[in-house]
Amino acid sequence: MTIIHIVLFEWKSTALPEQIQEACKRMLALSEQCIHPTSQKPYIKSFTGGKNNSREGQADPYTHGFVVEFESAEDRDYYAFKDPAHQDFIKFAGEVANGVKVVDYEPGKV
């Protein structure tokens, strides 16, 4: 069962553009840094994201979004709550992020 994990970021008003860029760079690097504890291999199926460029005007205050695909809910849960690389990222991003929204879903399940 594939899990899609969507993350949206709002940045603190004091966050410098360089800090936001570094946070996004670190977020994308998780695709290779997150290693499965059993297989010792990266376990994220796909990882993409970047700065919002929608013309619909519905994203405020979230300016950056990321989509992560996991093979299973177990992989997603390991990533969200235990993976050391992700936990380090959360600490770093917490210094510049004002808000984060997360939505997870299984494709096709309503």
Protein backbone atom coordinates (compact mmCIF):
# COMPACT_ATOMS: atom_id res chain seq x y z
CA MET A 1 0.00 0.00 0.00
CA THR A 2 1.67 3.20 -1.17
CA ILE A 3 1.48 6.25 1.11
CA ILE A 4 1.77 9.79 -0.22
CA HIS A 5 3.07 12.28 2.37
CA ILE A 6 2.57 15.99 1.58
CA VAL A 7 4.35 18.65 3.64
CA LEU A 8 3.77 22.42 3.37
CA PHE A 9 6.02 25.01 5.02
CA GLU A 10 5.37 28.53 6.26
CA TRP A 11 8.55 30.36 7.25
CA LYS A 12 9.15 32.74 10.13
CA SER A 13 9.16 36.39 9.10
CA THR A 14 12.74 36.56 10.42
CA ALA A 15 13.93 33.67 8.23
CA LEU A 16 16.53 34.77 5.71
CA PRO A 17 16.25 33.55 2.09
CA GLU A 18 19.50 31.63 2.61
CA GLN A 19 18.02 29.80 5.61
CA ILE A 20 14.90 28.87 3.65
CA GLN A 21 17.01 27.64 0.74
CA GLU A 22 19.14 25.57 3.14
CA ALA A 23 16.03 24.06 4.76
CA CYS A 24 14.66 23.08 1.34
CA LYS A 25 18.02 21.64 0.29
CA ARG A 26 18.15 19.58 3.50
CA MET A 27 14.55 18.44 3.07
CA LEU A 28 15.24 17.13 -0.44
CA ALA A 29 18.46 15.44 0.73
CA LEU A 30 16.41 13.23 3.04
CA SER A 31 15.60 11.04 0.04
CA GLU A 32 19.15 9.65 0.24
CA GLN A 33 19.85 10.18 3.93
CA CYS A 34 16.88 8.24 5.29
CA ILE A 35 18.10 4.66 5.60
CA HIS A 36 15.87 1.72 6.49
CA PRO A 37 17.03 0.16 9.78
CA THR A 38 16.76 -3.41 8.43
CA SER A 39 17.86 -3.18 4.79
CA GLN A 40 20.34 -0.34 5.40
CA LYS A 41 19.18 1.20 2.09
CA PRO A 42 17.21 4.35 1.29
CA TYR A 43 13.50 3.54 1.64
CA ILE A 44 11.79 6.60 0.19
CA LYS A 45 10.28 5.71 -3.21
CA SER A 46 10.16 9.27 -4.53
CA PHE A 47 10.71 12.75 -3.16
CA THR A 48 10.04 16.06 -4.84
CA GLY A 49 9.25 19.60 -3.86
CA GLY A 50 10.00 23.26 -4.14
CA LYS A 51 8.69 26.80 -3.98
CA ASN A 52 5.01 27.43 -4.69
CA ASN A 53 4.32 29.00 -8.07
CA SER A 54 0.55 28.56 -8.20
CA ARG A 55 -1.41 31.49 -9.62
CA GLU A 56 -4.59 30.47 -7.74
CA GLY A 57 -3.66 32.40 -4.61
CA GLN A 58 -4.77 29.65 -2.22
CA ALA A 59 -1.45 28.68 -0.61
CA ASP A 60 -0.81 31.51 1.86
CA PRO A 61 0.95 31.38 4.23
CA TYR A 62 2.62 28.20 2.91
CA THR A 63 5.30 28.95 0.34
CA HIS A 64 7.05 25.59 -0.14
CA GLY A 65 5.66 22.09 -0.61
CA PHE A 66 7.10 18.60 -0.74
CA VAL A 67 5.65 15.25 -1.77
CA VAL A 68 7.19 12.06 -0.42
CA GLU A 69 6.14 8.57 -1.51
CA PHE A 70 6.55 5.56 0.77
CA GLU A 71 6.01 1.87 0.02
CA SER A 72 4.05 1.37 3.24
CA ALA A 73 2.54 3.02 6.29
CA GLU A 74 5.30 1.37 8.32
CA ASP A 75 7.98 3.18 6.27
CA ARG A 76 6.08 6.45 6.63
CA ASP A 77 5.79 5.97 10.38
CA TYR A 78 9.48 5.18 10.73
CA TYR A 79 10.29 8.32 8.75
CA ALA A 80 7.91 10.53 10.70
CA PHE A 81 8.76 9.38 14.20
CA LYS A 82 12.10 7.54 14.33
CA ASP A 83 14.43 8.15 11.39
CA PRO A 84 17.50 9.98 12.80
CA ALA A 85 18.07 11.98 9.60
CA HIS A 86 14.47 13.19 9.58
CA GLN A 87 14.54 13.96 13.30
CA ASP A 88 17.67 16.10 12.77
CA PHE A 89 15.92 17.91 9.91
CA ILE A 90 12.89 18.61 12.12
CA LYS A 91 15.16 20.27 14.70
CA PHE A 92 16.88 22.37 12.03
CA ALA A 93 13.65 23.39 10.28
CA GLY A 94 12.03 24.27 13.59
CA GLU A 95 14.38 27.21 13.83
CA VAL A 96 13.08 28.80 10.62
CA ALA A 97 9.62 27.30 10.07
CA ASN A 98 6.64 29.11 11.51
CA GLY A 99 4.15 26.45 10.50
CA VAL A 100 4.04 23.04 8.87
CA LYS A 101 1.03 21.17 7.49
CA VAL A 102 1.11 17.46 6.68
CA VAL A 103 -1.41 15.39 4.75
CA ASP A 104 -0.95 11.67 4.11
CA TYR A 105 -3.12 9.47 1.93
CA GLU A 106 -3.29 6.16 0.09
CA PRO A 107 -3.85 6.75 -3.63
CA GLY A 108 -7.36 5.78 -4.65
CA LYS A 109 -8.74 5.49 -1.13
CA VAL A 110 -11.45 7.98 -0.38
